[in-house]
PDB file of all heavy atoms in Angstrom:
ATOM      1  N   ASN A   1      18.409 -18.215  -0.949  1.00  0.00           N
ATOM      2  CA  ASN A   1      17.613 -16.923  -0.977  1.00  0.00           C
ATOM      3  C   ASN A   1      17.994 -16.116  -2.199  1.00  0.00           C
ATOM      4  O   ASN A   1      18.176 -14.878  -1.989  1.00  0.00           O
ATOM      5  CB  ASN A   1      18.029 -16.174   0.409  1.00  0.00           C
ATOM      6  CG  ASN A   1      17.223 -16.660   1.577  1.00  0.00           C
ATOM      7  OD1 ASN A   1      16.497 -17.709   1.594  1.00  0.00           O
ATOM      8  ND2 ASN A   1      17.332 -16.006   2.649  1.00  0.00           N
ATOM      9  N   THR A   2      18.068 -16.789  -3.307  1.00  0.00           N
ATOM     10  CA  THR A   2      18.410 -16.015  -4.480  1.00  0.00           C
ATOM     11  C   THR A   2      17.617 -16.318  -5.751  1.00  0.00           C
ATOM     12  O   THR A   2      17.017 -17.360  -5.921  1.00  0.00           O
ATOM     13  CB  THR A   2      19.966 -16.576  -4.840  1.00  0.00           C
ATOM     14  OG1 THR A   2      20.818 -16.315  -3.709  1.00  0.00           O
ATOM     15  CG2 THR A   2      20.472 -15.832  -6.075  1.00  0.00           C
ATOM     16  N   VAL A   3      17.378 -15.228  -6.465  1.00  0.00           N
ATOM     17  CA  VAL A   3      16.641 -15.334  -7.636  1.00  0.00           C
ATOM     18  C   VAL A   3      17.632 -14.847  -8.901  1.00  0.00           C
ATOM     19  O   VAL A   3      18.527 -13.966  -8.602  1.00  0.00           O
ATOM     20  CB  VAL A   3      15.391 -14.459  -7.645  1.00  0.00           C
ATOM     21  CG1 VAL A   3      15.720 -12.952  -7.625  1.00  0.00           C
ATOM     22  CG2 VAL A   3      14.621 -14.664  -8.904  1.00  0.00           C
ATOM     23  N   TYR A   4      17.437 -15.531  -9.988  1.00  0.00           N
ATOM     24  CA  TYR A   4      18.527 -15.307 -11.148  1.00  0.00           C
ATOM     25  C   TYR A   4      17.655 -14.852 -12.279  1.00  0.00           C
ATOM     26  O   TYR A   4      16.533 -15.113 -12.573  1.00  0.00           O
ATOM     27  CB  TYR A   4      19.144 -16.657 -11.501  1.00  0.00           C
ATOM     28  CG  TYR A   4      19.897 -17.243 -10.261  1.00  0.00           C
ATOM     29  CD1 TYR A   4      19.385 -18.285  -9.474  1.00  0.00           C
ATOM     30  CD2 TYR A   4      21.173 -16.829  -9.916  1.00  0.00           C
ATOM     31  CE1 TYR A   4      19.979 -18.863  -8.499  1.00  0.00           C
ATOM     32  CE2 TYR A   4      21.960 -17.535  -8.936  1.00  0.00           C
ATOM     33  CZ  TYR A   4      21.259 -18.423  -8.185  1.00  0.00           C
ATOM     34  OH  TYR A   4      22.005 -18.973  -7.184  1.00  0.00           O
ATOM     35  N   LEU A   5      18.388 -14.257 -13.263  1.00  0.00           N
ATOM     36  CA  LEU A   5      17.851 -13.929 -14.495  1.00  0.00           C
ATOM     37  C   LEU A   5      18.916 -14.260 -15.484  1.00  0.00           C
ATOM     38  O   LEU A   5      19.945 -13.537 -15.647  1.00  0.00           O
ATOM     39  CB  LEU A   5      17.622 -12.409 -14.692  1.00  0.00           C
ATOM     40  CG  LEU A   5      16.840 -11.961 -15.916  1.00  0.00           C
ATOM     41  CD1 LEU A   5      15.364 -12.698 -16.105  1.00  0.00           C
ATOM     42  CD2 LEU A   5      16.604 -10.513 -16.148  1.00  0.00           C
ATOM     43  N   GLN A   6      18.817 -15.364 -16.164  1.00  0.00           N
ATOM     44  CA  GLN A   6      19.643 -15.763 -17.189  1.00  0.00           C
ATOM     45  C   GLN A   6      19.270 -15.092 -18.553  1.00  0.00           C
ATOM     46  O   GLN A   6      18.013 -15.255 -18.976  1.00  0.00           O
ATOM     47  CB  GLN A   6      19.579 -17.243 -17.460  1.00  0.00           C
ATOM     48  CG  GLN A   6      20.525 -17.713 -18.580  1.00  0.00           C
ATOM     49  CD  GLN A   6      21.945 -17.509 -18.342  1.00  0.00           C
ATOM     50  OE1 GLN A   6      22.497 -17.860 -17.215  1.00  0.00           O
ATOM     51  NE2 GLN A   6      22.671 -17.046 -19.279  1.00  0.00           N
ATOM     52  N   MET A   7      20.243 -14.196 -19.173  1.00  0.00           N
ATOM     53  CA  MET A   7      19.812 -13.417 -20.283  1.00  0.00           C
ATOM     54  C   MET A   7      20.777 -13.824 -21.427  1.00  0.00           C
ATOM     55  O   MET A   7      21.995 -13.793 -21.263  1.00  0.00           O
ATOM     56  CB  MET A   7      20.093 -11.973 -20.013  1.00  0.00           C
ATOM     57  CG  MET A   7      19.210 -11.392 -18.892  1.00  0.00           C
ATOM     58  SD  MET A   7      19.516  -9.615 -18.703  1.00  0.00           S
ATOM     59  CE  MET A   7      21.246  -9.567 -18.213  1.00  0.00           C
ATOM     60  N   ASN A   8      20.201 -14.466 -22.481  1.00  0.00           N
ATOM     61  CA  ASN A   8      20.737 -14.931 -23.636  1.00  0.00           C
ATOM     62  C   ASN A   8      20.402 -14.100 -24.854  1.00  0.00           C
ATOM     63  O   ASN A   8      19.410 -13.509 -24.849  1.00  0.00           O
ATOM     64  CB  ASN A   8      20.466 -16.420 -23.831  1.00  0.00           C
ATOM     65  CG  ASN A   8      20.926 -17.283 -22.810  1.00  0.00           C
ATOM     66  OD1 ASN A   8      21.954 -17.101 -22.086  1.00  0.00           O
ATOM     67  ND2 ASN A   8      20.161 -18.374 -22.551  1.00  0.00           N
ATOM     68  N   SER A   9      21.179 -14.257 -26.045  1.00  0.00           N
ATOM     69  CA  SER A   9      20.852 -13.529 -27.151  1.00  0.00           C
ATOM     70  C   SER A   9      20.593 -12.155 -26.868  1.00  0.00           C
ATOM     71  O   SER A   9      19.609 -11.540 -27.490  1.00  0.00           O
ATOM     72  CB  SER A   9      19.683 -14.273 -27.893  1.00  0.00           C
ATOM     73  OG  SER A   9      19.980 -15.619 -28.166  1.00  0.00           O
ATOM     74  N   LEU A  10      21.376 -11.473 -26.291  1.00  0.00           N
ATOM     75  CA  LEU A  10      21.184 -10.046 -25.717  1.00  0.00           C
ATOM     76  C   LEU A  10      21.234  -9.093 -26.980  1.00  0.00           C
ATOM     77  O   LEU A  10      22.079  -9.361 -27.895  1.00  0.00           O
ATOM     78  CB  LEU A  10      22.155  -9.554 -24.778  1.00  0.00           C
ATOM     79  CG  LEU A  10      21.960 -10.170 -23.348  1.00  0.00           C
ATOM     80  CD1 LEU A  10      23.182 -10.071 -22.520  1.00  0.00           C
ATOM     81  CD2 LEU A  10      20.795  -9.426 -22.793  1.00  0.00           C
ATOM     82  N   LYS A  11      20.454  -8.071 -26.918  1.00  0.00           N
ATOM     83  CA  LYS A  11      20.248  -7.126 -27.879  1.00  0.00           C
ATOM     84  C   LYS A  11      20.497  -5.662 -27.452  1.00  0.00           C
ATOM     85  O   LYS A  11      20.440  -5.527 -26.254  1.00  0.00           O
ATOM     86  CB  LYS A  11      18.865  -7.180 -28.551  1.00  0.00           C
ATOM     87  CG  LYS A  11      18.254  -8.489 -29.014  1.00  0.00           C
ATOM     88  CD  LYS A  11      16.825  -8.367 -29.517  1.00  0.00           C
ATOM     89  CE  LYS A  11      16.342  -9.851 -30.070  1.00  0.00           C
ATOM     90  NZ  LYS A  11      14.943  -9.619 -30.451  1.00  0.00           N
ATOM     91  N   PRO A  12      20.923  -4.809 -28.193  1.00  0.00           N
ATOM     92  CA  PRO A  12      21.186  -3.481 -27.792  1.00  0.00           C
ATOM     93  C   PRO A  12      19.929  -2.694 -26.959  1.00  0.00           C
ATOM     94  O   PRO A  12      20.060  -2.097 -26.070  1.00  0.00           O
ATOM     95  CB  PRO A  12      21.536  -2.615 -28.919  1.00  0.00           C
ATOM     96  CG  PRO A  12      22.040  -3.650 -29.874  1.00  0.00           C
ATOM     97  CD  PRO A  12      21.298  -4.917 -29.549  1.00  0.00           C
ATOM     98  N   GLU A  13      18.809  -3.223 -27.392  1.00  0.00           N
ATOM     99  CA  GLU A  13      17.610  -2.594 -26.640  1.00  0.00           C
ATOM    100  C   GLU A  13      17.300  -3.246 -25.313  1.00  0.00           C
ATOM    101  O   GLU A  13      16.521  -2.794 -24.670  1.00  0.00           O
ATOM    102  CB  GLU A  13      16.262  -2.813 -27.629  1.00  0.00           C
ATOM    103  CG  GLU A  13      16.162  -4.220 -28.098  1.00  0.00           C
ATOM    104  CD  GLU A  13      16.652  -4.516 -29.538  1.00  0.00           C
ATOM    105  OE1 GLU A  13      17.754  -3.993 -29.858  1.00  0.00           O
ATOM    106  OE2 GLU A  13      16.002  -5.031 -30.317  1.00  0.00           O
ATOM    107  N   ASP A  14      18.145  -4.295 -24.976  1.00  0.00           N
ATOM    108  CA  ASP A  14      18.038  -4.784 -23.637  1.00  0.00           C
ATOM    109  C   ASP A  14      18.844  -3.941 -22.621  1.00  0.00           C
ATOM    110  O   ASP A  14      18.844  -4.198 -21.413  1.00  0.00           O
ATOM    111  CB  ASP A  14      18.616  -6.234 -23.521  1.00  0.00           C
ATOM    112  CG  ASP A  14      17.747  -7.255 -24.332  1.00  0.00           C
ATOM    113  OD1 ASP A  14      16.497  -7.117 -24.318  1.00  0.00           O
ATOM    114  OD2 ASP A  14      18.352  -8.087 -25.072  1.00  0.00           O
ATOM    115  N   THR A  15      19.602  -2.908 -23.189  1.00  0.00           N
ATOM    116  CA  THR A  15      20.433  -2.160 -22.166  1.00  0.00           C
ATOM    117  C   THR A  15      19.444  -1.415 -21.409  1.00  0.00           C
ATOM    118  O   THR A  15      18.542  -0.637 -21.732  1.00  0.00           O
ATOM    119  CB  THR A  15      21.229  -1.100 -23.151  1.00  0.00           C
ATOM    120  OG1 THR A  15      22.165  -1.803 -23.964  1.00  0.00           O
ATOM    121  CG2 THR A  15      21.943  -0.071 -22.279  1.00  0.00           C
ATOM    122  N   ALA A  16      19.783  -1.524 -20.017  1.00  0.00           N
ATOM    123  CA  ALA A  16      18.991  -0.870 -18.985  1.00  0.00           C
ATOM    124  C   ALA A  16      19.552  -1.087 -17.696  1.00  0.00           C
ATOM    125  O   ALA A  16      20.532  -1.916 -17.482  1.00  0.00           O
ATOM    126  CB  ALA A  16      17.544  -1.482 -18.996  1.00  0.00           C
ATOM    127  N   VAL A  17      18.995  -0.453 -16.626  1.00  0.00           N
ATOM    128  CA  VAL A  17      19.222  -0.819 -15.330  1.00  0.00           C
ATOM    129  C   VAL A  17      18.255  -1.910 -14.840  1.00  0.00           C
ATOM    130  O   VAL A  17      17.001  -1.683 -15.079  1.00  0.00           O
ATOM    131  CB  VAL A  17      19.140   0.313 -14.218  1.00  0.00           C
ATOM    132  CG1 VAL A  17      19.422  -0.168 -12.867  1.00  0.00           C
ATOM    133  CG2 VAL A  17      20.194   1.349 -14.655  1.00  0.00           C
ATOM    134  N   TYR A  18      18.715  -3.013 -14.373  1.00  0.00           N
ATOM    135  CA  TYR A  18      17.870  -4.087 -14.066  1.00  0.00           C
ATOM    136  C   TYR A  18      17.686  -4.221 -12.544  1.00  0.00           C
ATOM    137  O   TYR A  18      18.788  -4.139 -11.754  1.00  0.00           O
ATOM    138  CB  TYR A  18      18.353  -5.422 -14.590  1.00  0.00           C
ATOM    139  CG  TYR A  18      18.221  -5.781 -15.926  1.00  0.00           C
ATOM    140  CD1 TYR A  18      18.896  -4.894 -16.926  1.00  0.00           C
ATOM    141  CD2 TYR A  18      17.289  -6.585 -16.401  1.00  0.00           C
ATOM    142  CE1 TYR A  18      18.676  -5.077 -18.275  1.00  0.00           C
ATOM    143  CE2 TYR A  18      17.048  -6.712 -17.800  1.00  0.00           C
ATOM    144  CZ  TYR A  18      17.790  -6.000 -18.735  1.00  0.00           C
ATOM    145  OH  TYR A  18      17.569  -6.043 -20.103  1.00  0.00           O
ATOM    146  N   TYR A  19      16.381  -4.235 -11.959  1.00  0.00           N
ATOM    147  CA  TYR A  19      16.084  -4.202 -10.664  1.00  0.00           C
ATOM    148  C   TYR A  19      15.360  -5.452 -10.303  1.00  0.00           C
ATOM    149  O   TYR A  19      14.494  -5.963 -10.981  1.00  0.00           O
ATOM    150  CB  TYR A  19      15.121  -3.129 -10.336  1.00  0.00           C
ATOM    151  CG  TYR A  19      15.710  -1.712 -10.613  1.00  0.00           C
ATOM    152  CD1 TYR A  19      15.546  -1.151 -11.788  1.00  0.00           C
ATOM    153  CD2 TYR A  19      16.427  -1.035  -9.603  1.00  0.00           C
ATOM    154  CE1 TYR A  19      15.982   0.119 -12.035  1.00  0.00           C
ATOM    155  CE2 TYR A  19      16.890   0.264  -9.796  1.00  0.00           C
ATOM    156  CZ  TYR A  19      16.791   0.861 -11.059  1.00  0.00           C
ATOM    157  OH  TYR A  19      17.173   2.091 -11.284  1.00  0.00           O
ATOM    158  N   CYS A  20      15.800  -6.170  -9.076  1.00  0.00           N
ATOM    159  CA  CYS A  20      15.111  -7.173  -8.446  1.00  0.00           C
ATOM    160  C   CYS A  20      14.091  -6.700  -7.478  1.00  0.00           C
ATOM    161  O   CYS A  20      14.237  -5.680  -6.879  1.00  0.00           O
ATOM    162  CB  CYS A  20      16.291  -8.148  -7.763  1.00  0.00           C
ATOM    163  SG  CYS A  20      15.611  -9.560  -6.906  1.00  0.00           S
ATOM    164  N   SER A  21      13.001  -7.515  -7.484  1.00  0.00           N
ATOM    165  CA  SER A  21      12.049  -7.110  -6.494  1.00  0.00           C
ATOM    166  C   SER A  21      11.402  -8.357  -5.823  1.00  0.00           C
ATOM    167  O   SER A  21      11.458  -9.393  -6.331  1.00  0.00           O
ATOM    168  CB  SER A  21      10.884  -6.310  -7.127  1.00  0.00           C
ATOM    169  OG  SER A  21       9.968  -7.135  -7.796  1.00  0.00           O
ATOM    170  N   ALA A  22      10.861  -8.158  -4.656  1.00  0.00           N
ATOM    171  CA  ALA A  22      10.149  -9.260  -3.888  1.00  0.00           C
ATOM    172  C   ALA A  22       8.766  -8.744  -3.567  1.00  0.00           C
ATOM    173  O   ALA A  22       8.501  -7.551  -3.336  1.00  0.00           O
ATOM    174  CB  ALA A  22      10.758  -9.567  -2.553  1.00  0.00           C
ATOM    175  N   GLY A  23       7.736  -9.417  -3.913  1.00  0.00           N
ATOM    176  CA  GLY A  23       6.384  -8.964  -3.772  1.00  0.00           C
ATOM    177  C   GLY A  23       5.308 -10.088  -3.747  1.00  0.00           C
ATOM    178  O   GLY A  23       5.578 -11.174  -3.263  1.00  0.00           O
ATOM    179  N   ARG A  24       4.221  -9.884  -4.387  1.00  0.00           N
ATOM    180  CA  ARG A  24       3.161 -10.899  -4.459  1.00  0.00           C
ATOM    181  C   ARG A  24       2.337 -10.564  -5.607  1.00  0.00           C
ATOM    182  O   ARG A  24       2.235  -9.551  -6.070  1.00  0.00           O
ATOM    183  CB  ARG A  24       2.363 -10.840  -3.112  1.00  0.00           C
ATOM    184  CG  ARG A  24       1.622  -9.577  -2.897  1.00  0.00           C
ATOM    185  CD  ARG A  24       0.848  -9.559  -1.540  1.00  0.00           C
ATOM    186  NE  ARG A  24      -0.007 -10.536  -1.348  1.00  0.00           N
ATOM    187  CZ  ARG A  24      -1.453 -10.449  -1.881  1.00  0.00           C
ATOM    188  NH1 ARG A  24      -1.830  -9.365  -2.376  1.00  0.00           N
ATOM    189  NH2 ARG A  24      -2.180 -11.466  -1.693  1.00  0.00           N
ATOM    190  N   PHE A  25       1.438 -11.566  -5.957  1.00  0.00           N
ATOM    191  CA  PHE A  25       0.364 -11.356  -6.885  1.00  0.00           C
ATOM    192  C   PHE A  25      -0.867 -11.080  -6.176  1.00  0.00           C
ATOM    193  O   PHE A  25      -1.301 -11.794  -5.215  1.00  0.00           O
ATOM    194  CB  PHE A  25       0.259 -12.664  -7.668  1.00  0.00           C
ATOM    195  CG  PHE A  25       1.477 -12.952  -8.578  1.00  0.00           C
ATOM    196  CD1 PHE A  25       2.337 -13.962  -8.217  1.00  0.00           C
ATOM    197  CD2 PHE A  25       1.609 -12.374  -9.833  1.00  0.00           C
ATOM    198  CE1 PHE A  25       3.489 -14.143  -8.943  1.00  0.00           C
ATOM    199  CE2 PHE A  25       2.751 -12.652 -10.601  1.00  0.00           C
ATOM    200  CZ  PHE A  25       3.617 -13.566 -10.271  1.00  0.00           C
ATOM    201  N   ASP A  26      -1.605 -10.136  -6.736  1.00  0.00           N
ATOM    202  CA  ASP A  26      -3.004  -9.725  -6.177  1.00  0.00           C
ATOM    203  C   ASP A  26      -4.075 -10.809  -6.731  1.00  0.00           C
ATOM    204  O   ASP A  26      -3.636 -11.755  -7.317  1.00  0.00           O
ATOM    205  CB  ASP A  26      -3.310  -8.419  -6.469  1.00  0.00           C
ATOM    206  CG  ASP A  26      -3.668  -8.090  -7.921  1.00  0.00           C
ATOM    207  OD1 ASP A  26      -3.860  -8.943  -8.777  1.00  0.00           O
ATOM    208  OD2 ASP A  26      -3.583  -6.940  -8.280  1.00  0.00           O
ATOM    209  N   ILE A  27      -5.293 -10.600  -6.251  1.00  0.00           N
ATOM    210  CA  ILE A  27      -6.284 -11.541  -6.473  1.00  0.00           C
ATOM    211  C   ILE A  27      -6.624 -11.822  -7.917  1.00  0.00           C
ATOM    212  O   ILE A  27      -7.089 -12.892  -8.372  1.00  0.00           O
ATOM    213  CB  ILE A  27      -7.589 -11.237  -5.772  1.00  0.00           C
ATOM    214  CG1 ILE A  27      -8.510 -12.380  -5.525  1.00  0.00           C
ATOM    215  CG2 ILE A  27      -8.248  -9.824  -6.362  1.00  0.00           C
ATOM    216  CD1 ILE A  27      -9.638 -12.145  -4.622  1.00  0.00           C
ATOM    217  N   VAL A  28      -6.208 -10.882  -8.814  1.00  0.00           N
ATOM    218  CA  VAL A  28      -6.389 -10.947 -10.162  1.00  0.00           C
ATOM    219  C   VAL A  28      -5.224 -11.315 -11.014  1.00  0.00           C
ATOM    220  O   VAL A  28      -5.128 -11.336 -12.286  1.00  0.00           O
ATOM    221  CB  VAL A  28      -7.004  -9.682 -10.933  1.00  0.00           C
ATOM    222  CG1 VAL A  28      -8.393  -9.470 -10.337  1.00  0.00           C
ATOM    223  CG2 VAL A  28      -6.258  -8.501 -10.657  1.00  0.00           C
ATOM    224  N   GLY A  29      -4.095 -11.547 -10.194  1.00  0.00           N
ATOM    225  CA  GLY A  29      -2.853 -12.116 -10.735  1.00  0.00           C
ATOM    226  C   GLY A  29      -1.812 -11.012 -11.143  1.00  0.00           C
ATOM    227  O   GLY A  29      -0.902 -11.330 -11.847  1.00  0.00           O
ATOM    228  N   LYS A  30      -1.992  -9.823 -10.749  1.00  0.00           N
ATOM    229  CA  LYS A  30      -1.095  -8.761 -11.152  1.00  0.00           C
ATOM    230  C   LYS A  30      -0.047  -8.693 -10.031  1.00  0.00           C
ATOM    231  O   LYS A  30      -0.246  -8.653  -8.884  1.00  0.00           O
ATOM    232  CB  LYS A  30      -1.772  -7.445 -11.077  1.00  0.00           C
ATOM    233  CG  LYS A  30      -0.974  -6.153 -11.558  1.00  0.00           C
ATOM    234  CD  LYS A  30      -1.693  -4.945 -11.615  1.00  0.00           C
ATOM    235  CE  LYS A  30      -0.683  -3.744 -11.814  1.00  0.00           C
ATOM    236  NZ  LYS A  30      -1.371  -2.400 -11.854  1.00  0.00           N
ATOM    237  N   TYR A  31       1.267  -8.592 -10.503  1.00  0.00           N
ATOM    238  CA  TYR A  31       2.370  -8.627  -9.572  1.00  0.00           C
ATOM    239  C   TYR A  31       2.514  -7.106  -9.004  1.00  0.00           C
ATOM    240  O   TYR A  31       2.478  -6.266  -9.801  1.00  0.00           O
ATOM    241  CB  TYR A  31       3.731  -8.988 -10.296  1.00  0.00           C
ATOM    242  CG  TYR A  31       4.830  -8.916  -9.392  1.00  0.00           C
ATOM    243  CD1 TYR A  31       5.230  -9.887  -8.414  1.00  0.00           C
ATOM    244  CD2 TYR A  31       5.747  -7.801  -9.333  1.00  0.00           C
ATOM    245  CE1 TYR A  31       6.277  -9.833  -7.736  1.00  0.00           C
ATOM    246  CE2 TYR A  31       6.847  -7.688  -8.481  1.00  0.00           C
ATOM    247  CZ  TYR A  31       7.082  -8.783  -7.657  1.00  0.00           C
ATOM    248  OH  TYR A  31       8.085  -8.684  -6.795  1.00  0.00           O
ATOM    249  N   SER A  32       2.710  -7.228  -7.697  1.00  0.00           N
ATOM    250  CA  SER A  32       2.931  -5.929  -7.090  1.00  0.00           C
ATOM    251  C   SER A  32       4.337  -6.015  -6.198  1.00  0.00           C
ATOM    252  O   SER A  32       4.396  -6.982  -5.238  1.00  0.00           O
ATOM    253  CB  SER A  32       1.923  -5.534  -5.994  1.00  0.00           C
ATOM    254  OG  SER A  32       0.685  -5.226  -6.791  1.00  0.00           O
ATOM    255  N   ALA A  33       5.271  -5.186  -6.380  1.00  0.00           N
ATOM    256  CA  ALA A  33       6.506  -5.212  -5.767  1.00  0.00           C
ATOM    257  C   ALA A  33       6.296  -4.555  -4.286  1.00  0.00           C
ATOM    258  O   ALA A  33       5.691  -3.567  -4.084  1.00  0.00           O
ATOM    259  CB  ALA A  33       7.677  -4.432  -6.438  1.00  0.00           C
ATOM    260  N   ASN A  34       6.999  -5.171  -3.278  1.00  0.00           N
ATOM    261  CA  ASN A  34       7.001  -4.550  -1.974  1.00  0.00           C
ATOM    262  C   ASN A  34       8.506  -4.183  -1.651  1.00  0.00           C
ATOM    263  O   ASN A  34       8.551  -3.171  -0.737  1.00  0.00           O
ATOM    264  CB  ASN A  34       6.491  -5.743  -0.912  1.00  0.00           C
ATOM    265  CG  ASN A  34       5.041  -6.105  -1.110  1.00  0.00           C
ATOM    266  OD1 ASN A  34       4.772  -7.261  -1.317  1.00  0.00           O
ATOM    267  ND2 ASN A  34       4.334  -5.054  -0.898  1.00  0.00           N
ATOM    268  N   TYR A  35       9.505  -4.885  -2.117  1.00  0.00           N
ATOM    269  CA  TYR A  35      10.802  -4.467  -1.824  1.00  0.00           C
ATOM    270  C   TYR A  35      11.602  -4.449  -3.117  1.00  0.00           C
ATOM    271  O   TYR A  35      11.271  -5.142  -4.004  1.00  0.00           O
ATOM    272  CB  TYR A  35      11.471  -5.502  -0.958  1.00  0.00           C
ATOM    273  CG  TYR A  35      10.612  -5.634   0.365  1.00  0.00           C
ATOM    274  CD1 TYR A  35       9.738  -6.652   0.544  1.00  0.00           C
ATOM    275  CD2 TYR A  35      10.878  -4.805   1.373  1.00  0.00           C
ATOM    276  CE1 TYR A  35       9.193  -6.879   1.672  1.00  0.00           C
ATOM    277  CE2 TYR A  35      10.223  -4.930   2.644  1.00  0.00           C
ATOM    278  CZ  TYR A  35       9.321  -5.983   2.809  1.00  0.00           C
ATOM    279  OH  TYR A  35       8.693  -6.108   3.953  1.00  0.00           O
TER     280      TYR A  35
END
């Protein structure tokens, strides 16, 4: 029940708060977060 984000070659502009979400893609392929 785990999702990962492997981040390599990190740059200063990658600095941020990173959030995980669970959701779905709509009929036109756009991701929408539910949690």
